[in-house]
C-alpha cells in the first residue's frame, strides 16, 4: 500500500532479488487490467 495518494494511475508491480543478483521483474499491472509476468 502507498502511504499517499494524488499521483494518478501508475503501473504497479513486484520485483524479487536473489542473493548476489540484481532485482528482477516478477509481475506488473497497468490500468488495473494489463498484466505482465516473468515466465518462471
ModelCIF file with pLDDT and N, C-alpha, C, O atoms, coordinates in Angstrom:
data_MODEL
#
_entry.id   MODEL 
#
_entity.id                         1 
_entity.type                       polymer 
_entity.pdbx_number_of_molecules   1 
#
_entity_poly.entity_id                      1 
_entity_poly.type                           'polypeptide(L)' 
_entity_poly.nstd_linkage                   no 
_entity_poly.nstd_monomer                   no 
_entity_poly.pdbx_seq_one_letter_code       
;(UNK)(UNK)(UNK)(UNK)(UNK)(UNK)(UNK)(UNK)(UNK)(UNK)(UNK)(UNK)(UNK)(UNK)(UNK)(UNK)
(UNK)(UNK)(UNK)(UNK)(UNK)(UNK)(UNK)(UNK)(UNK)(UNK)(UNK)(UNK)(UNK)(UNK)(UNK)(UNK)
(UNK)(UNK)(UNK)(UNK)(UNK)(UNK)(UNK)(UNK)
;
_entity_poly.pdbx_seq_one_letter_code_can   XXXXXXXXXXXXXXXXXXXXXXXXXXXXXXXXXXXXXXXX 
_entity_poly.pdbx_strand_id                 A 
#
loop_
_entity_poly_seq.entity_id 
_entity_poly_seq.num 
_entity_poly_seq.mon_id 
_entity_poly_seq.hetero 
1 1  UNK n 
1 2  UNK n 
1 3  UNK n 
1 4  UNK n 
1 5  UNK n 
1 6  UNK n 
1 7  UNK n 
1 8  UNK n 
1 9  UNK n 
1 10 UNK n 
1 11 UNK n 
1 12 UNK n 
1 13 UNK n 
1 14 UNK n 
1 15 UNK n 
1 16 UNK n 
1 17 UNK n 
1 18 UNK n 
1 19 UNK n 
1 20 UNK n 
1 21 UNK n 
1 22 UNK n 
1 23 UNK n 
1 24 UNK n 
1 25 UNK n 
1 26 UNK n 
1 27 UNK n 
1 28 UNK n 
1 29 UNK n 
1 30 UNK n 
1 31 UNK n 
1 32 UNK n 
1 33 UNK n 
1 34 UNK n 
1 35 UNK n 
1 36 UNK n 
1 37 UNK n 
1 38 UNK n 
1 39 UNK n 
1 40 UNK n 
#
_struct_asym.id          A 
_struct_asym.entity_id   1 
#
loop_
_ma_qa_metric.id 
_ma_qa_metric.mode 
_ma_qa_metric.name 
_ma_qa_metric.software_group_id 
_ma_qa_metric.type 
1 global pLDDT . pLDDT 
2 local  pLDDT . pLDDT 
#
_ma_qa_metric_global.metric_id      1 
_ma_qa_metric_global.metric_value   90.75 
_ma_qa_metric_global.model_id       1 
_ma_qa_metric_global.ordinal_id     1 
#
loop_
_ma_qa_metric_local.label_asym_id 
_ma_qa_metric_local.label_comp_id 
_ma_qa_metric_local.label_seq_id 
_ma_qa_metric_local.metric_id 
_ma_qa_metric_local.metric_value 
_ma_qa_metric_local.model_id 
_ma_qa_metric_local.ordinal_id 
A UNK 1  2 93.00 1 1  
A UNK 2  2 90.00 1 2  
A UNK 3  2 85.00 1 3  
A UNK 4  2 77.00 1 4  
A UNK 5  2 72.00 1 5  
A UNK 6  2 73.00 1 6  
A UNK 7  2 71.00 1 7  
A UNK 8  2 75.00 1 8  
A UNK 9  2 80.00 1 9  
A UNK 10 2 85.00 1 10 
A UNK 11 2 92.00 1 11 
A UNK 12 2 94.00 1 12 
A UNK 13 2 96.00 1 13 
A UNK 14 2 98.00 1 14 
A UNK 15 2 98.00 1 15 
A UNK 16 2 98.00 1 16 
A UNK 17 2 97.00 1 17 
A UNK 18 2 94.00 1 18 
A UNK 19 2 89.00 1 19 
A UNK 20 2 91.00 1 20 
A UNK 21 2 94.00 1 21 
A UNK 22 2 95.00 1 22 
A UNK 23 2 96.00 1 23 
A UNK 24 2 97.00 1 24 
A UNK 25 2 98.00 1 25 
A UNK 26 2 98.00 1 26 
A UNK 27 2 98.00 1 27 
A UNK 28 2 97.00 1 28 
A UNK 29 2 94.00 1 29 
A UNK 30 2 92.00 1 30 
A UNK 31 2 85.00 1 31 
A UNK 32 2 82.00 1 32 
A UNK 33 2 86.00 1 33 
A UNK 34 2 92.00 1 34 
A UNK 35 2 94.00 1 35 
A UNK 36 2 96.00 1 36 
A UNK 37 2 97.00 1 37 
A UNK 38 2 97.00 1 38 
A UNK 39 2 97.00 1 39 
A UNK 40 2 97.00 1 40 
#
loop_
_atom_site.group_PDB 
_atom_site.id 
_atom_site.type_symbol 
_atom_site.label_atom_id 
_atom_site.label_alt_id 
_atom_site.label_comp_id 
_atom_site.label_asym_id 
_atom_site.label_entity_id 
_atom_site.label_seq_id 
_atom_site.pdbx_PDB_ins_code 
_atom_site.Cartn_x 
_atom_site.Cartn_y 
_atom_site.Cartn_z 
_atom_site.occupancy 
_atom_site.B_iso_or_equiv 
_atom_site.pdbx_formal_charge 
_atom_site.auth_seq_id 
_atom_site.auth_comp_id 
_atom_site.auth_asym_id 
_atom_site.auth_atom_id 
_atom_site.pdbx_PDB_model_num 
ATOM 1   N N  . UNK A 1 1  ? 0.839  -1.195  0.000   1.00 93.00 ? 1  UNK A N  1 
ATOM 2   C CA . UNK A 1 1  ? 0.000  0.000   0.000   1.00 93.00 ? 1  UNK A CA 1 
ATOM 3   C C  . UNK A 1 1  ? 0.875  1.246   0.000   1.00 93.00 ? 1  UNK A C  1 
ATOM 4   O O  . UNK A 1 1  ? 1.910  1.304   0.664   1.00 93.00 ? 1  UNK A O  1 
ATOM 5   N N  . UNK A 1 2  ? 0.430  2.242   -0.764  1.00 90.00 ? 2  UNK A N  1 
ATOM 6   C CA . UNK A 1 2  ? 1.139  3.517   -0.777  1.00 90.00 ? 2  UNK A CA 1 
ATOM 7   C C  . UNK A 1 2  ? 0.651  4.374   0.386   1.00 90.00 ? 2  UNK A C  1 
ATOM 8   O O  . UNK A 1 2  ? -0.526 4.355   0.747   1.00 90.00 ? 2  UNK A O  1 
ATOM 9   N N  . UNK A 1 3  ? 1.571  5.112   0.952   1.00 85.00 ? 3  UNK A N  1 
ATOM 10  C CA . UNK A 1 3  ? 1.231  5.935   2.117   1.00 85.00 ? 3  UNK A CA 1 
ATOM 11  C C  . UNK A 1 3  ? 0.573  7.247   1.733   1.00 85.00 ? 3  UNK A C  1 
ATOM 12  O O  . UNK A 1 3  ? 0.076  7.972   2.595   1.00 85.00 ? 3  UNK A O  1 
ATOM 13  N N  . UNK A 1 4  ? 0.567  7.557   0.443   1.00 77.00 ? 4  UNK A N  1 
ATOM 14  C CA . UNK A 1 4  ? -0.016 8.815   -0.010  1.00 77.00 ? 4  UNK A CA 1 
ATOM 15  C C  . UNK A 1 4  ? -0.784 8.573   -1.300  1.00 77.00 ? 4  UNK A C  1 
ATOM 16  O O  . UNK A 1 4  ? -0.706 7.494   -1.887  1.00 77.00 ? 4  UNK A O  1 
ATOM 17  N N  . UNK A 1 5  ? -1.510 9.560   -1.724  1.00 72.00 ? 5  UNK A N  1 
ATOM 18  C CA . UNK A 1 5  ? -2.262 9.449   -2.970  1.00 72.00 ? 5  UNK A CA 1 
ATOM 19  C C  . UNK A 1 5  ? -2.016 10.711  -3.791  1.00 72.00 ? 5  UNK A C  1 
ATOM 20  O O  . UNK A 1 5  ? -1.181 11.547  -3.447  1.00 72.00 ? 5  UNK A O  1 
ATOM 21  N N  . UNK A 1 6  ? -2.765 10.823  -4.885  1.00 73.00 ? 6  UNK A N  1 
ATOM 22  C CA . UNK A 1 6  ? -2.629 12.029  -5.682  1.00 73.00 ? 6  UNK A CA 1 
ATOM 23  C C  . UNK A 1 6  ? -1.617 11.945  -6.796  1.00 73.00 ? 6  UNK A C  1 
ATOM 24  O O  . UNK A 1 6  ? -1.362 12.939  -7.476  1.00 73.00 ? 6  UNK A O  1 
ATOM 25  N N  . UNK A 1 7  ? -1.025 10.758  -7.001  1.00 71.00 ? 7  UNK A N  1 
ATOM 26  C CA . UNK A 1 7  ? -0.041 10.622  -8.063  1.00 71.00 ? 7  UNK A CA 1 
ATOM 27  C C  . UNK A 1 7  ? -0.636 10.047  -9.327  1.00 71.00 ? 7  UNK A C  1 
ATOM 28  O O  . UNK A 1 7  ? 0.084  9.771   -10.287 1.00 71.00 ? 7  UNK A O  1 
ATOM 29  N N  . UNK A 1 8  ? -1.964 9.862   -9.338  1.00 75.00 ? 8  UNK A N  1 
ATOM 30  C CA . UNK A 1 8  ? -2.609 9.375   -10.546 1.00 75.00 ? 8  UNK A CA 1 
ATOM 31  C C  . UNK A 1 8  ? -2.471 7.874   -10.701 1.00 75.00 ? 8  UNK A C  1 
ATOM 32  O O  . UNK A 1 8  ? -1.943 7.184   -9.829  1.00 75.00 ? 8  UNK A O  1 
ATOM 33  N N  . UNK A 1 9  ? -2.956 7.389   -11.825 1.00 80.00 ? 9  UNK A N  1 
ATOM 34  C CA . UNK A 1 9  ? -2.895 5.956   -12.086 1.00 80.00 ? 9  UNK A CA 1 
ATOM 35  C C  . UNK A 1 9  ? -1.513 5.626   -12.648 1.00 80.00 ? 9  UNK A C  1 
ATOM 36  O O  . UNK A 1 9  ? -1.100 6.153   -13.681 1.00 80.00 ? 9  UNK A O  1 
ATOM 37  N N  . UNK A 1 10 ? -0.816 4.749   -11.947 1.00 85.00 ? 10 UNK A N  1 
ATOM 38  C CA . UNK A 1 10 ? 0.526  4.361   -12.357 1.00 85.00 ? 10 UNK A CA 1 
ATOM 39  C C  . UNK A 1 10 ? 0.617  2.848   -12.443 1.00 85.00 ? 10 UNK A C  1 
ATOM 40  O O  . UNK A 1 10 ? -0.219 2.133   -11.890 1.00 85.00 ? 10 UNK A O  1 
ATOM 41  N N  . UNK A 1 11 ? 1.628  2.370   -13.137 1.00 92.00 ? 11 UNK A N  1 
ATOM 42  C CA . UNK A 1 11 ? 1.896  0.945   -13.144 1.00 92.00 ? 11 UNK A CA 1 
ATOM 43  C C  . UNK A 1 11 ? 2.337  0.523   -11.749 1.00 92.00 ? 11 UNK A C  1 
ATOM 44  O O  . UNK A 1 11 ? 3.025  1.264   -11.046 1.00 92.00 ? 11 UNK A O  1 
ATOM 45  N N  . UNK A 1 12 ? 1.931  -0.675  -11.366 1.00 94.00 ? 12 UNK A N  1 
ATOM 46  C CA . UNK A 1 12 ? 2.294  -1.213  -10.059 1.00 94.00 ? 12 UNK A CA 1 
ATOM 47  C C  . UNK A 1 12 ? 2.820  -2.627  -10.264 1.00 94.00 ? 12 UNK A C  1 
ATOM 48  O O  . UNK A 1 12 ? 2.330  -3.365  -11.118 1.00 94.00 ? 12 UNK A O  1 
ATOM 49  N N  . UNK A 1 13 ? 3.805  -2.989  -9.487  1.00 96.00 ? 13 UNK A N  1 
ATOM 50  C CA . UNK A 1 13 ? 4.357  -4.303  -9.713  1.00 96.00 ? 13 UNK A CA 1 
ATOM 51  C C  . UNK A 1 13 ? 5.158  -4.851  -8.558  1.00 96.00 ? 13 UNK A C  1 
ATOM 52  O O  . UNK A 1 13 ? 5.282  -4.245  -7.494  1.00 96.00 ? 13 UNK A O  1 
ATOM 53  N N  . UNK A 1 14 ? 5.696  -6.026  -8.820  1.00 98.00 ? 14 UNK A N  1 
ATOM 54  C CA . UNK A 1 14 ? 6.545  -6.728  -7.845  1.00 98.00 ? 14 UNK A CA 1 
ATOM 55  C C  . UNK A 1 14 ? 7.821  -7.183  -8.533  1.00 98.00 ? 14 UNK A C  1 
ATOM 56  O O  . UNK A 1 14 ? 7.803  -7.702  -9.649  1.00 98.00 ? 14 UNK A O  1 
ATOM 57  N N  . UNK A 1 15 ? 8.913  -6.976  -7.844  1.00 98.00 ? 15 UNK A N  1 
ATOM 58  C CA . UNK A 1 15 ? 10.215 -7.485  -8.255  1.00 98.00 ? 15 UNK A CA 1 
ATOM 59  C C  . UNK A 1 15 ? 10.729 -8.391  -7.144  1.00 98.00 ? 15 UNK A C  1 
ATOM 60  O O  . UNK A 1 15 ? 10.231 -8.353  -6.019  1.00 98.00 ? 15 UNK A O  1 
ATOM 61  N N  . UNK A 1 16 ? 11.717 -9.195  -7.465  1.00 98.00 ? 16 UNK A N  1 
ATOM 62  C CA . UNK A 1 16 ? 12.356 -10.001 -6.432  1.00 98.00 ? 16 UNK A CA 1 
ATOM 63  C C  . UNK A 1 16 ? 13.851 -10.016 -6.660  1.00 98.00 ? 16 UNK A C  1 
ATOM 64  O O  . UNK A 1 16 ? 14.342 -9.782  -7.765  1.00 98.00 ? 16 UNK A O  1 
ATOM 65  N N  . UNK A 1 17 ? 14.550 -10.294 -5.593  1.00 97.00 ? 17 UNK A N  1 
ATOM 66  C CA . UNK A 1 17 ? 16.006 -10.307 -5.658  1.00 97.00 ? 17 UNK A CA 1 
ATOM 67  C C  . UNK A 1 17 ? 16.536 -11.518 -4.921  1.00 97.00 ? 17 UNK A C  1 
ATOM 68  O O  . UNK A 1 17 ? 16.228 -11.743 -3.751  1.00 97.00 ? 17 UNK A O  1 
ATOM 69  N N  . UNK A 1 18 ? 17.342 -12.296 -5.636  1.00 94.00 ? 18 UNK A N  1 
ATOM 70  C CA . UNK A 1 18 ? 18.032 -13.429 -5.037  1.00 94.00 ? 18 UNK A CA 1 
ATOM 71  C C  . UNK A 1 18 ? 19.389 -12.945 -4.537  1.00 94.00 ? 18 UNK A C  1 
ATOM 72  O O  . UNK A 1 18 ? 19.917 -11.954 -5.041  1.00 94.00 ? 18 UNK A O  1 
ATOM 73  N N  . UNK A 1 19 ? 19.952 -13.632 -3.558  1.00 89.00 ? 19 UNK A N  1 
ATOM 74  C CA . UNK A 1 19 ? 21.266 -13.211 -3.039  1.00 89.00 ? 19 UNK A CA 1 
ATOM 75  C C  . UNK A 1 19 ? 22.303 -13.112 -4.148  1.00 89.00 ? 19 UNK A C  1 
ATOM 76  O O  . UNK A 1 19 ? 22.465 -14.043 -4.937  1.00 89.00 ? 19 UNK A O  1 
ATOM 77  N N  . UNK A 1 20 ? 22.997 -11.997 -4.209  1.00 91.00 ? 20 UNK A N  1 
ATOM 78  C CA . UNK A 1 20 ? 24.075 -11.825 -5.172  1.00 91.00 ? 20 UNK A CA 1 
ATOM 79  C C  . UNK A 1 20 ? 23.634 -11.511 -6.583  1.00 91.00 ? 20 UNK A C  1 
ATOM 80  O O  . UNK A 1 20 ? 24.455 -11.503 -7.500  1.00 91.00 ? 20 UNK A O  1 
ATOM 81  N N  . UNK A 1 21 ? 22.338 -11.248 -6.778  1.00 94.00 ? 21 UNK A N  1 
ATOM 82  C CA . UNK A 1 21 ? 21.851 -10.943 -8.118  1.00 94.00 ? 21 UNK A CA 1 
ATOM 83  C C  . UNK A 1 21 ? 21.121 -9.607  -8.122  1.00 94.00 ? 21 UNK A C  1 
ATOM 84  O O  . UNK A 1 21 ? 20.851 -9.024  -7.072  1.00 94.00 ? 21 UNK A O  1 
ATOM 85  N N  . UNK A 1 22 ? 20.809 -9.137  -9.323  1.00 95.00 ? 22 UNK A N  1 
ATOM 86  C CA . UNK A 1 22 ? 20.044 -7.903  -9.446  1.00 95.00 ? 22 UNK A CA 1 
ATOM 87  C C  . UNK A 1 22 ? 18.552 -8.187  -9.294  1.00 95.00 ? 22 UNK A C  1 
ATOM 88  O O  . UNK A 1 22 ? 18.091 -9.316  -9.462  1.00 95.00 ? 22 UNK A O  1 
ATOM 89  N N  . UNK A 1 23 ? 17.831 -7.152  -8.977  1.00 96.00 ? 23 UNK A N  1 
ATOM 90  C CA . UNK A 1 23 ? 16.391 -7.254  -8.860  1.00 96.00 ? 23 UNK A CA 1 
ATOM 91  C C  . UNK A 1 23 ? 15.786 -7.627  -10.221 1.00 96.00 ? 23 UNK A C  1 
ATOM 92  O O  . UNK A 1 23 ? 16.206 -7.105  -11.253 1.00 96.00 ? 23 UNK A O  1 
ATOM 93  N N  . UNK A 1 24 ? 14.800 -8.531  -10.216 1.00 97.00 ? 24 UNK A N  1 
ATOM 94  C CA . UNK A 1 24 ? 14.168 -8.933  -11.458 1.00 97.00 ? 24 UNK A CA 1 
ATOM 95  C C  . UNK A 1 24 ? 12.656 -8.782  -11.360 1.00 97.00 ? 24 UNK A C  1 
ATOM 96  O O  . UNK A 1 24 ? 12.073 -8.908  -10.283 1.00 97.00 ? 24 UNK A O  1 
ATOM 97  N N  . UNK A 1 25 ? 12.039 -8.514  -12.487 1.00 98.00 ? 25 UNK A N  1 
ATOM 98  C CA . UNK A 1 25 ? 10.595 -8.344  -12.525 1.00 98.00 ? 25 UNK A CA 1 
ATOM 99  C C  . UNK A 1 25 ? 9.896  -9.680  -12.279 1.00 98.00 ? 25 UNK A C  1 
ATOM 100 O O  . UNK A 1 25 ? 10.252 -10.704 -12.862 1.00 98.00 ? 25 UNK A O  1 
ATOM 101 N N  . UNK A 1 26 ? 8.905  -9.641  -11.411 1.00 98.00 ? 26 UNK A N  1 
ATOM 102 C CA . UNK A 1 26 ? 8.038  -10.800 -11.195 1.00 98.00 ? 26 UNK A CA 1 
ATOM 103 C C  . UNK A 1 26 ? 6.716  -10.593 -11.931 1.00 98.00 ? 26 UNK A C  1 
ATOM 104 O O  . UNK A 1 26 ? 6.287  -11.445 -12.709 1.00 98.00 ? 26 UNK A O  1 
ATOM 105 N N  . UNK A 1 27 ? 6.080  -9.452  -11.676 1.00 98.00 ? 27 UNK A N  1 
ATOM 106 C CA . UNK A 1 27 ? 4.781  -9.164  -12.306 1.00 98.00 ? 27 UNK A CA 1 
ATOM 107 C C  . UNK A 1 27 ? 4.531  -7.669  -12.275 1.00 98.00 ? 27 UNK A C  1 
ATOM 108 O O  . UNK A 1 27 ? 5.008  -6.959  -11.390 1.00 98.00 ? 27 UNK A O  1 
ATOM 109 N N  . UNK A 1 28 ? 3.776  -7.205  -13.255 1.00 97.00 ? 28 UNK A N  1 
ATOM 110 C CA . UNK A 1 28 ? 3.439  -5.792  -13.361 1.00 97.00 ? 28 UNK A CA 1 
ATOM 111 C C  . UNK A 1 28 ? 1.996  -5.685  -13.817 1.00 97.00 ? 28 UNK A C  1 
ATOM 112 O O  . UNK A 1 28 ? 1.523  -6.504  -14.604 1.00 97.00 ? 28 UNK A O  1 
ATOM 113 N N  . UNK A 1 29 ? 1.290  -4.662  -13.315 1.00 94.00 ? 29 UNK A N  1 
ATOM 114 C CA . UNK A 1 29 ? -0.071 -4.413  -13.749 1.00 94.00 ? 29 UNK A CA 1 
ATOM 115 C C  . UNK A 1 29 ? -0.215 -2.941  -14.105 1.00 94.00 ? 29 UNK A C  1 
ATOM 116 O O  . UNK A 1 29 ? 0.272  -2.059  -13.397 1.00 94.00 ? 29 UNK A O  1 
ATOM 117 N N  . UNK A 1 30 ? -0.893 -2.700  -15.217 1.00 92.00 ? 30 UNK A N  1 
ATOM 118 C CA . UNK A 1 30 ? -1.111 -1.340  -15.707 1.00 92.00 ? 30 UNK A CA 1 
ATOM 119 C C  . UNK A 1 30 ? -2.596 -1.161  -15.966 1.00 92.00 ? 30 UNK A C  1 
ATOM 120 O O  . UNK A 1 30 ? -3.254 -2.046  -16.513 1.00 92.00 ? 30 UNK A O  1 
ATOM 121 N N  . UNK A 1 31 ? -3.116 -0.017  -15.570 1.00 85.00 ? 31 UNK A N  1 
ATOM 122 C CA . UNK A 1 31 ? -4.542 0.289   -15.764 1.00 85.00 ? 31 UNK A CA 1 
ATOM 123 C C  . UNK A 1 31 ? -5.449 -0.785  -15.166 1.00 85.00 ? 31 UNK A C  1 
ATOM 124 O O  . UNK A 1 31 ? -6.565 -1.000  -15.639 1.00 85.00 ? 31 UNK A O  1 
ATOM 125 N N  . UNK A 1 32 ? -4.969 -1.445  -14.139 1.00 82.00 ? 32 UNK A N  1 
ATOM 126 C CA . UNK A 1 32 ? -5.714 -2.459  -13.384 1.00 82.00 ? 32 UNK A CA 1 
ATOM 127 C C  . UNK A 1 32 ? -6.091 -3.688  -14.188 1.00 82.00 ? 32 UNK A C  1 
ATOM 128 O O  . UNK A 1 32 ? -6.752 -4.584  -13.661 1.00 82.00 ? 32 UNK A O  1 
ATOM 129 N N  . UNK A 1 33 ? -5.689 -3.755  -15.451 1.00 86.00 ? 33 UNK A N  1 
ATOM 130 C CA . UNK A 1 33 ? -6.078 -4.913  -16.271 1.00 86.00 ? 33 UNK A CA 1 
ATOM 131 C C  . UNK A 1 33 ? -4.950 -5.504  -17.092 1.00 86.00 ? 33 UNK A C  1 
ATOM 132 O O  . UNK A 1 33 ? -4.977 -6.700  -17.381 1.00 86.00 ? 33 UNK A O  1 
ATOM 133 N N  . UNK A 1 34 ? -3.976 -4.728  -17.472 1.00 92.00 ? 34 UNK A N  1 
ATOM 134 C CA . UNK A 1 34 ? -2.898 -5.224  -18.323 1.00 92.00 ? 34 UNK A CA 1 
ATOM 135 C C  . UNK A 1 34 ? -1.787 -5.767  -17.436 1.00 92.00 ? 34 UNK A C  1 
ATOM 136 O O  . UNK A 1 34 ? -1.181 -5.034  -16.654 1.00 92.00 ? 34 UNK A O  1 
ATOM 137 N N  . UNK A 1 35 ? -1.532 -7.063  -17.571 1.00 94.00 ? 35 UNK A N  1 
ATOM 138 C CA . UNK A 1 35 ? -0.563 -7.709  -16.685 1.00 94.00 ? 35 UNK A CA 1 
ATOM 139 C C  . UNK A 1 35 ? 0.597  -8.313  -17.464 1.00 94.00 ? 35 UNK A C  1 
ATOM 140 O O  . UNK A 1 35 ? 0.450  -8.741  -18.609 1.00 94.00 ? 35 UNK A O  1 
ATOM 141 N N  . UNK A 1 36 ? 1.728  -8.334  -16.824 1.00 96.00 ? 36 UNK A N  1 
ATOM 142 C CA . UNK A 1 36 ? 2.947  -8.942  -17.366 1.00 96.00 ? 36 UNK A CA 1 
ATOM 143 C C  . UNK A 1 36 ? 3.541  -9.810  -16.279 1.00 96.00 ? 36 UNK A C  1 
ATOM 144 O O  . UNK A 1 36 ? 3.569  -9.421  -15.111 1.00 96.00 ? 36 UNK A O  1 
ATOM 145 N N  . UNK A 1 37 ? 4.021  -10.999 -16.662 1.00 97.00 ? 37 UNK A N  1 
ATOM 146 C CA . UNK A 1 37 ? 4.597  -11.919 -15.701 1.00 97.00 ? 37 UNK A CA 1 
ATOM 147 C C  . UNK A 1 37 ? 5.938  -12.449 -16.201 1.00 97.00 ? 37 UNK A C  1 
ATOM 148 O O  . UNK A 1 37 ? 6.148  -12.610 -17.403 1.00 97.00 ? 37 UNK A O  1 
ATOM 149 N N  . UNK A 1 38 ? 6.823  -12.710 -15.280 1.00 97.00 ? 38 UNK A N  1 
ATOM 150 C CA . UNK A 1 38 ? 8.031  -13.451 -15.606 1.00 97.00 ? 38 UNK A CA 1 
ATOM 151 C C  . UNK A 1 38 ? 7.623  -14.872 -15.991 1.00 97.00 ? 38 UNK A C  1 
ATOM 152 O O  . UNK A 1 38 ? 6.676  -15.427 -15.434 1.00 97.00 ? 38 UNK A O  1 
ATOM 153 N N  . UNK A 1 39 ? 8.339  -15.448 -16.939 1.00 97.00 ? 39 UNK A N  1 
ATOM 154 C CA . UNK A 1 39 ? 7.999  -16.797 -17.393 1.00 97.00 ? 39 UNK A CA 1 
ATOM 155 C C  . UNK A 1 39 ? 8.004  -17.790 -16.237 1.00 97.00 ? 39 UNK A C  1 
ATOM 156 O O  . UNK A 1 39 ? 7.221  -18.740 -16.233 1.00 97.00 ? 39 UNK A O  1 
ATOM 157 N N  . UNK A 1 40 ? 8.863  -17.582 -15.276 1.00 97.00 ? 40 UNK A N  1 
ATOM 158 C CA . UNK A 1 40 ? 9.026  -18.543 -14.178 1.00 97.00 ? 40 UNK A CA 1 
ATOM 159 C C  . UNK A 1 40 ? 7.832  -18.575 -13.235 1.00 97.00 ? 40 UNK A C  1 
ATOM 160 O O  . UNK A 1 40 ? 7.829  -19.335 -12.267 1.00 97.00 ? 40 UNK A O  1 
#
